[in-house]
Amino acid sequence: MQHLDWQTKTTIKKVKCVHADANKYIVNNVLTPGKEYDVKNETEEFYFVVDNTGKVGGYYKEYFEEA
Protein backbone atom coordinates (compact mmCIF):
# COMPACT_ATOMS: atom_id res chain seq x y z
CA MET A 1 0.00 0.00 0.00
CA GLN A 2 2.35 2.67 -1.31
CA HIS A 3 -0.25 5.42 -1.20
CA LEU A 4 -0.13 5.49 2.62
CA ASP A 5 3.35 7.06 2.69
CA TRP A 6 3.17 9.39 -0.34
CA GLN A 7 2.87 12.43 1.93
CA THR A 8 6.32 11.79 3.43
CA LYS A 9 7.90 10.31 0.30
CA THR A 10 10.66 12.28 -1.42
CA THR A 11 9.64 14.49 -4.31
CA ILE A 12 10.32 12.99 -7.76
CA LYS A 13 10.18 16.30 -9.64
CA LYS A 14 8.28 19.57 -9.82
CA VAL A 15 5.56 20.42 -12.32
CA LYS A 16 3.84 23.71 -13.07
CA CYS A 17 0.07 23.91 -13.42
CA VAL A 18 -0.84 25.43 -16.80
CA HIS A 19 -4.64 25.40 -16.43
CA ALA A 20 -7.43 24.17 -14.17
CA ASP A 21 -10.21 24.10 -16.75
CA ALA A 22 -11.55 20.58 -16.46
CA ASN A 23 -14.49 19.32 -18.49
CA LYS A 24 -15.52 16.48 -16.22
CA TYR A 25 -14.10 17.20 -12.75
CA ILE A 26 -13.74 20.28 -10.54
CA VAL A 27 -10.04 20.93 -10.06
CA ASN A 28 -9.95 24.73 -9.88
CA ASN A 29 -10.52 24.49 -6.09
CA VAL A 30 -7.30 22.51 -5.54
CA LEU A 31 -4.99 23.57 -8.40
CA THR A 32 -3.77 27.09 -9.16
CA PRO A 33 -2.52 27.90 -12.68
CA GLY A 34 1.06 29.14 -12.57
CA LYS A 35 1.89 27.42 -9.28
CA GLU A 36 4.51 24.66 -8.98
CA TYR A 37 3.63 21.37 -7.31
CA ASP A 38 5.73 18.51 -5.92
CA VAL A 39 5.22 15.20 -7.73
CA LYS A 40 5.14 12.26 -5.30
CA ASN A 41 4.25 9.55 -7.83
CA GLU A 42 3.65 9.32 -11.57
CA THR A 43 1.81 6.95 -13.87
CA GLU A 44 1.34 6.97 -17.62
CA GLU A 45 -1.76 9.18 -17.35
CA PHE A 46 -1.58 10.91 -13.94
CA TYR A 47 0.65 12.95 -11.66
CA PHE A 48 0.11 12.50 -7.93
CA VAL A 49 0.94 15.89 -6.44
CA VAL A 50 0.58 17.70 -3.13
CA ASP A 51 -2.27 20.07 -4.04
CA ASN A 52 -3.57 23.26 -2.38
CA THR A 53 -5.31 21.25 0.36
CA GLY A 54 -1.94 19.87 1.52
CA LYS A 55 -2.91 16.32 0.58
CA VAL A 56 -1.77 14.13 -2.29
CA GLY A 57 -4.20 14.00 -5.19
CA GLY A 58 -4.06 12.41 -8.64
CA TYR A 59 -4.56 14.68 -11.65
CA TYR A 60 -4.32 14.24 -15.42
CA LYS A 61 -0.97 15.25 -16.87
CA GLU A 62 -2.73 17.66 -19.23
CA TYR A 63 -3.01 20.21 -16.39
CA PHE A 64 0.78 20.43 -15.98
CA GLU A 65 4.08 21.06 -17.71
CA GLU A 66 7.54 20.12 -16.48
CA ALA A 67 9.09 22.87 -14.37
PDB file of N, CA and C in Angstrom:
ATOM      1  N   MET A   1       0.825  -1.176   0.000  1.00  0.00           N
ATOM      2  CA  MET A   1       0.000   0.000   0.000  1.00  0.00           C
ATOM      3  C   MET A   1       0.873   1.246   0.000  1.00  0.00           C
ATOM      4  N   GLN A   2       1.426   1.541  -1.167  1.00  0.00           N
ATOM      5  CA  GLN A   2       2.346   2.670  -1.310  1.00  0.00           C
ATOM      6  C   GLN A   2       1.694   4.012  -1.040  1.00  0.00           C
ATOM      7  N   HIS A   3       0.411   4.131  -1.318  1.00  0.00           N
ATOM      8  CA  HIS A   3      -0.252   5.420  -1.199  1.00  0.00           C
ATOM      9  C   HIS A   3      -0.303   5.934   0.245  1.00  0.00           C
ATOM     10  N   LEU A   4      -0.069   5.070   1.216  1.00  0.00           N
ATOM     11  CA  LEU A   4      -0.131   5.486   2.616  1.00  0.00           C
ATOM     12  C   LEU A   4       1.051   6.358   3.027  1.00  0.00           C
ATOM     13  N   ASP A   5       2.182   6.249   2.319  1.00  0.00           N
ATOM     14  CA  ASP A   5       3.347   7.056   2.687  1.00  0.00           C
ATOM     15  C   ASP A   5       3.739   8.076   1.618  1.00  0.00           C
ATOM     16  N   TRP A   6       2.865   8.402   0.689  1.00  0.00           N
ATOM     17  CA  TRP A   6       3.171   9.391  -0.336  1.00  0.00           C
ATOM     18  C   TRP A   6       3.407  10.766   0.260  1.00  0.00           C
ATOM     19  N   GLN A   7       2.729  11.111   1.323  1.00  0.00           N
ATOM     20  CA  GLN A   7       2.872  12.432   1.929  1.00  0.00           C
ATOM     21  C   GLN A   7       4.302  12.676   2.402  1.00  0.00           C
ATOM     22  N   THR A   8       4.960  11.641   2.912  1.00  0.00           N
ATOM     23  CA  THR A   8       6.317  11.787   3.433  1.00  0.00           C
ATOM     24  C   THR A   8       7.380  11.323   2.438  1.00  0.00           C
ATOM     25  N   LYS A   9       6.975  10.793   1.315  1.00  0.00           N
ATOM     26  CA  LYS A   9       7.904  10.306   0.296  1.00  0.00           C
ATOM     27  C   LYS A   9       8.661  11.481  -0.326  1.00  0.00           C
ATOM     28  N   THR A  10       9.878  11.222  -0.786  1.00  0.00           N
ATOM     29  CA  THR A  10      10.662  12.281  -1.418  1.00  0.00           C
ATOM     30  C   THR A  10      10.014  12.694  -2.737  1.00  0.00           C
ATOM     31  N   THR A  11      10.213  13.938  -3.092  1.00  0.00           N
ATOM     32  CA  THR A  11       9.642  14.486  -4.312  1.00  0.00           C
ATOM     33  C   THR A  11      10.419  13.982  -5.526  1.00  0.00           C
ATOM     34  N   ILE A  12       9.696  13.493  -6.528  1.00  0.00           N
ATOM     35  CA  ILE A  12      10.324  12.990  -7.756  1.00  0.00           C
ATOM     36  C   ILE A  12      10.779  14.150  -8.630  1.00  0.00           C
ATOM     37  N   LYS A  13       9.887  15.110  -8.838  1.00  0.00           N
ATOM     38  CA  LYS A  13      10.180  16.300  -9.642  1.00  0.00           C
ATOM     39  C   LYS A  13       9.115  17.340  -9.347  1.00  0.00           C
ATOM     40  N   LYS A  14       9.262  18.504  -9.968  1.00  0.00           N
ATOM     41  CA  LYS A  14       8.280  19.575  -9.823  1.00  0.00           C
ATOM     42  C   LYS A  14       7.607  19.798 -11.173  1.00  0.00           C
ATOM     43  N   VAL A  15       6.317  20.082 -11.112  1.00  0.00           N
ATOM     44  CA  VAL A  15       5.560  20.417 -12.317  1.00  0.00           C
ATOM     45  C   VAL A  15       4.814  21.718 -12.072  1.00  0.00           C
ATOM     46  N   LYS A  16       4.546  22.436 -13.151  1.00  0.00           N
ATOM     47  CA  LYS A  16       3.843  23.706 -13.069  1.00  0.00           C
ATOM     48  C   LYS A  16       2.453  23.533 -13.662  1.00  0.00           C
ATOM     49  N   CYS A  17       1.448  23.994 -12.948  1.00  0.00           N
ATOM     50  CA  CYS A  17       0.071  23.909 -13.424  1.00  0.00           C
ATOM     51  C   CYS A  17      -0.132  24.937 -14.532  1.00  0.00           C
ATOM     52  N   VAL A  18      -0.620  24.513 -15.691  1.00  0.00           N
ATOM     53  CA  VAL A  18      -0.838  25.427 -16.804  1.00  0.00           C
ATOM     54  C   VAL A  18      -2.297  25.856 -16.913  1.00  0.00           C
ATOM     55  N   HIS A  19      -3.223  25.019 -16.449  1.00  0.00           N
ATOM     56  CA  HIS A  19      -4.637  25.402 -16.425  1.00  0.00           C
ATOM     57  C   HIS A  19      -5.392  24.496 -15.462  1.00  0.00           C
ATOM     58  N   ALA A  20      -6.565  24.951 -15.056  1.00  0.00           N
ATOM     59  CA  ALA A  20      -7.426  24.170 -14.168  1.00  0.00           C
ATOM     60  C   ALA A  20      -8.842  24.114 -14.731  1.00  0.00           C
ATOM     61  N   ASP A  21      -8.919  24.145 -16.064  1.00  0.00           N
ATOM     62  CA  ASP A  21     -10.212  24.101 -16.754  1.00  0.00           C
ATOM     63  C   ASP A  21     -10.538  22.667 -17.120  1.00  0.00           C
ATOM     64  N   ALA A  22     -11.215  21.978 -16.237  1.00  0.00           N
ATOM     65  CA  ALA A  22     -11.552  20.576 -16.462  1.00  0.00           C
ATOM     66  C   ALA A  22     -12.970  20.467 -17.004  1.00  0.00           C
ATOM     67  N   ASN A  23     -13.163  19.539 -17.934  1.00  0.00           N
ATOM     68  CA  ASN A  23     -14.489  19.318 -18.491  1.00  0.00           C
ATOM     69  C   ASN A  23     -15.356  18.458 -17.583  1.00  0.00           C
ATOM     70  N   LYS A  24     -14.754  17.468 -16.955  1.00  0.00           N
ATOM     71  CA  LYS A  24     -15.519  16.476 -16.220  1.00  0.00           C
ATOM     72  C   LYS A  24     -15.437  16.643 -14.705  1.00  0.00           C
ATOM     73  N   TYR A  25     -14.320  17.116 -14.191  1.00  0.00           N
ATOM     74  CA  TYR A  25     -14.101  17.200 -12.751  1.00  0.00           C
ATOM     75  C   TYR A  25     -13.853  18.643 -12.338  1.00  0.00           C
ATOM     76  N   ILE A  26     -14.033  18.950 -11.068  1.00  0.00           N
ATOM     77  CA  ILE A  26     -13.738  20.284 -10.541  1.00  0.00           C
ATOM     78  C   ILE A  26     -12.339  20.247  -9.931  1.00  0.00           C
ATOM     79  N   VAL A  27     -11.406  20.894 -10.583  1.00  0.00           N
ATOM     80  CA  VAL A  27     -10.035  20.932 -10.065  1.00  0.00           C
ATOM     81  C   VAL A  27      -9.585  22.347  -9.753  1.00  0.00           C
ATOM     82  N   ASN A  28     -10.373  23.349 -10.124  1.00  0.00           N
ATOM     83  CA  ASN A  28      -9.948  24.726  -9.879  1.00  0.00           C
ATOM     84  C   ASN A  28      -9.952  25.082  -8.399  1.00  0.00           C
ATOM     85  N   ASN A  29     -10.551  24.259  -7.544  1.00  0.00           N
ATOM     86  CA  ASN A  29     -10.518  24.489  -6.094  1.00  0.00           C
ATOM     87  C   ASN A  29      -9.208  24.015  -5.465  1.00  0.00           C
ATOM     88  N   VAL A  30      -8.499  23.104  -6.132  1.00  0.00           N
ATOM     89  CA  VAL A  30      -7.299  22.507  -5.544  1.00  0.00           C
ATOM     90  C   VAL A  30      -6.024  22.740  -6.360  1.00  0.00           C
ATOM     91  N   LEU A  31      -6.146  23.251  -7.575  1.00  0.00           N
ATOM     92  CA  LEU A  31      -4.986  23.568  -8.402  1.00  0.00           C
ATOM     93  C   LEU A  31      -5.038  25.035  -8.804  1.00  0.00           C
ATOM     94  N   THR A  32      -3.884  25.687  -8.782  1.00  0.00           N
ATOM     95  CA  THR A  32      -3.774  27.088  -9.160  1.00  0.00           C
ATOM     96  C   THR A  32      -2.866  27.207 -10.375  1.00  0.00           C
ATOM     97  N   PRO A  33      -3.381  27.718 -11.510  1.00  0.00           N
ATOM     98  CA  PRO A  33      -2.518  27.901 -12.682  1.00  0.00           C
ATOM     99  C   PRO A  33      -1.338  28.808 -12.363  1.00  0.00           C
ATOM    100  N   GLY A  34      -0.162  28.389 -12.809  1.00  0.00           N
ATOM    101  CA  GLY A  34       1.061  29.143 -12.572  1.00  0.00           C
ATOM    102  C   GLY A  34       1.844  28.687 -11.351  1.00  0.00           C
ATOM    103  N   LYS A  35       1.233  27.887 -10.491  1.00  0.00           N
ATOM    104  CA  LYS A  35       1.894  27.420  -9.275  1.00  0.00           C
ATOM    105  C   LYS A  35       2.616  26.099  -9.542  1.00  0.00           C
ATOM    106  N   GLU A  36       3.758  25.909  -8.867  1.00  0.00           N
ATOM    107  CA  GLU A  36       4.512  24.659  -8.984  1.00  0.00           C
ATOM    108  C   GLU A  36       4.101  23.689  -7.885  1.00  0.00           C
ATOM    109  N   TYR A  37       4.035  22.416  -8.241  1.00  0.00           N
ATOM    110  CA  TYR A  37       3.626  21.370  -7.309  1.00  0.00           C
ATOM    111  C   TYR A  37       4.674  20.265  -7.270  1.00  0.00           C
ATOM    112  N   ASP A  38       4.817  19.628  -6.108  1.00  0.00           N
ATOM    113  CA  ASP A  38       5.733  18.509  -5.916  1.00  0.00           C
ATOM    114  C   ASP A  38       5.065  17.219  -6.366  1.00  0.00           C
ATOM    115  N   VAL A  39       5.733  16.472  -7.254  1.00  0.00           N
ATOM    116  CA  VAL A  39       5.217  15.196  -7.730  1.00  0.00           C
ATOM    117  C   VAL A  39       5.720  14.095  -6.798  1.00  0.00           C
ATOM    118  N   LYS A  40       4.801  13.348  -6.217  1.00  0.00           N
ATOM    119  CA  LYS A  40       5.141  12.265  -5.303  1.00  0.00           C
ATOM    120  C   LYS A  40       5.125  10.913  -5.999  1.00  0.00           C
ATOM    121  N   ASN A  41       4.312  10.788  -7.050  1.00  0.00           N
ATOM    122  CA  ASN A  41       4.251   9.550  -7.832  1.00  0.00           C
ATOM    123  C   ASN A  41       3.738   9.907  -9.220  1.00  0.00           C
ATOM    124  N   GLU A  42       4.040   9.051 -10.193  1.00  0.00           N
ATOM    125  CA  GLU A  42       3.651   9.322 -11.571  1.00  0.00           C
ATOM    126  C   GLU A  42       3.263   8.020 -12.248  1.00  0.00           C
ATOM    127  N   THR A  43       2.193   8.072 -13.023  1.00  0.00           N
ATOM    128  CA  THR A  43       1.809   6.947 -13.870  1.00  0.00           C
ATOM    129  C   THR A  43       1.792   7.445 -15.308  1.00  0.00           C
ATOM    130  N   GLU A  44       1.369   6.595 -16.210  1.00  0.00           N
ATOM    131  CA  GLU A  44       1.336   6.971 -17.619  1.00  0.00           C
ATOM    132  C   GLU A  44       0.363   8.123 -17.873  1.00  0.00           C
ATOM    133  N   GLU A  45      -0.703   8.204 -17.103  1.00  0.00           N
ATOM    134  CA  GLU A  45      -1.762   9.176 -17.345  1.00  0.00           C
ATOM    135  C   GLU A  45      -1.885  10.263 -16.274  1.00  0.00           C
ATOM    136  N   PHE A  46      -1.368  10.004 -15.072  1.00  0.00           N
ATOM    137  CA  PHE A  46      -1.580  10.907 -13.940  1.00  0.00           C
ATOM    138  C   PHE A  46      -0.282  11.322 -13.256  1.00  0.00           C
ATOM    139  N   TYR A  47      -0.337  12.524 -12.649  1.00  0.00           N
ATOM    140  CA  TYR A  47       0.651  12.950 -11.660  1.00  0.00           C
ATOM    141  C   TYR A  47      -0.061  12.914 -10.310  1.00  0.00           C
ATOM    142  N   PHE A  48       0.619  12.449  -9.293  1.00  0.00           N
ATOM    143  CA  PHE A  48       0.110  12.504  -7.932  1.00  0.00           C
ATOM    144  C   PHE A  48       0.909  13.582  -7.215  1.00  0.00           C
ATOM    145  N   VAL A  49       0.262  14.711  -6.965  1.00  0.00           N
ATOM    146  CA  VAL A  49       0.937  15.892  -6.440  1.00  0.00           C
ATOM    147  C   VAL A  49       0.330  16.309  -5.108  1.00  0.00           C
ATOM    148  N   VAL A  50       1.101  17.084  -4.341  1.00  0.00           N
ATOM    149  CA  VAL A  50       0.579  17.702  -3.128  1.00  0.00           C
ATOM    150  C   VAL A  50      -0.141  18.970  -3.584  1.00  0.00           C
ATOM    151  N   ASP A  51      -1.476  18.957  -3.517  1.00  0.00           N
ATOM    152  CA  ASP A  51      -2.268  20.067  -4.038  1.00  0.00           C
ATOM    153  C   ASP A  51      -2.468  21.165  -2.990  1.00  0.00           C
ATOM    154  N   ASN A  52      -3.348  22.116  -3.276  1.00  0.00           N
ATOM    155  CA  ASN A  52      -3.566  23.265  -2.380  1.00  0.00           C
ATOM    156  C   ASN A  52      -4.165  22.877  -1.033  1.00  0.00           C
ATOM    157  N   THR A  53      -4.748  21.697  -0.919  1.00  0.00           N
ATOM    158  CA  THR A  53      -5.308  21.252   0.358  1.00  0.00           C
ATOM    159  C   THR A  53      -4.231  20.683   1.275  1.00  0.00           C
ATOM    160  N   GLY A  54      -3.027  20.457   0.735  1.00  0.00           N
ATOM    161  CA  GLY A  54      -1.944  19.873   1.518  1.00  0.00           C
ATOM    162  C   GLY A  54      -1.923  18.363   1.477  1.00  0.00           C
ATOM    163  N   LYS A  55      -2.838  17.771   0.716  1.00  0.00           N
ATOM    164  CA  LYS A  55      -2.906  16.319   0.583  1.00  0.00           C
ATOM    165  C   LYS A  55      -2.475  15.911  -0.816  1.00  0.00           C
ATOM    166  N   VAL A  56      -2.170  14.642  -0.991  1.00  0.00           N
ATOM    167  CA  VAL A  56      -1.770  14.129  -2.294  1.00  0.00           C
ATOM    168  C   VAL A  56      -3.015  13.770  -3.084  1.00  0.00           C
ATOM    169  N   GLY A  57      -3.082  14.292  -4.301  1.00  0.00           N
ATOM    170  CA  GLY A  57      -4.201  13.997  -5.194  1.00  0.00           C
ATOM    171  C   GLY A  57      -3.674  13.628  -6.558  1.00  0.00           C
ATOM    172  N   GLY A  58      -4.438  12.829  -7.297  1.00  0.00           N
ATOM    173  CA  GLY A  58      -4.056  12.415  -8.641  1.00  0.00           C
ATOM    174  C   GLY A  58      -4.773  13.250  -9.689  1.00  0.00           C
ATOM    175  N   TYR A  59      -3.999  13.803 -10.624  1.00  0.00           N
ATOM    176  CA  TYR A  59      -4.555  14.682 -11.647  1.00  0.00           C
ATOM    177  C   TYR A  59      -3.979  14.308 -13.012  1.00  0.00           C
ATOM    178  N   TYR A  60      -4.790  14.501 -14.064  1.00  0.00           N
ATOM    179  CA  TYR A  60      -4.321  14.241 -15.418  1.00  0.00           C
ATOM    180  C   TYR A  60      -3.090  15.082 -15.724  1.00  0.00           C
ATOM    181  N   LYS A  61      -2.198  14.537 -16.519  1.00  0.00           N
ATOM    182  CA  LYS A  61      -0.971  15.246 -16.873  1.00  0.00           C
ATOM    183  C   LYS A  61      -1.231  16.471 -17.744  1.00  0.00           C
ATOM    184  N   GLU A  62      -2.406  16.544 -18.361  1.00  0.00           N
ATOM    185  CA  GLU A  62      -2.726  17.663 -19.234  1.00  0.00           C
ATOM    186  C   GLU A  62      -2.800  18.998 -18.496  1.00  0.00           C
ATOM    187  N   TYR A  63      -2.955  18.985 -17.178  1.00  0.00           N
ATOM    188  CA  TYR A  63      -3.011  20.211 -16.393  1.00  0.00           C
ATOM    189  C   TYR A  63      -1.634  20.787 -16.094  1.00  0.00           C
ATOM    190  N   PHE A  64      -0.574  20.066 -16.415  1.00  0.00           N
ATOM    191  CA  PHE A  64       0.775  20.435 -15.980  1.00  0.00           C
ATOM    192  C   PHE A  64       1.770  20.461 -17.129  1.00  0.00           C
ATOM    193  N   GLU A  65       2.888  21.141 -16.866  1.00  0.00           N
ATOM    194  CA  GLU A  65       4.078  21.058 -17.709  1.00  0.00           C
ATOM    195  C   GLU A  65       5.263  20.912 -16.785  1.00  0.00           C
ATOM    196  N   GLU A  66       6.328  20.329 -17.294  1.00  0.00           N
ATOM    197  CA  GLU A  66       7.535  20.118 -16.475  1.00  0.00           C
ATOM    198  C   GLU A  66       8.135  21.462 -16.098  1.00  0.00           C
ATOM    199  N   ALA A  67       8.523  21.603 -14.854  1.00  0.00           N
ATOM    200  CA  ALA A  67       9.088  22.874 -14.372  1.00  0.00           C
ATOM    201  C   ALA A  67      10.582  22.924 -14.608  1.00  0.00           C
TER     202      ALA A  67
END
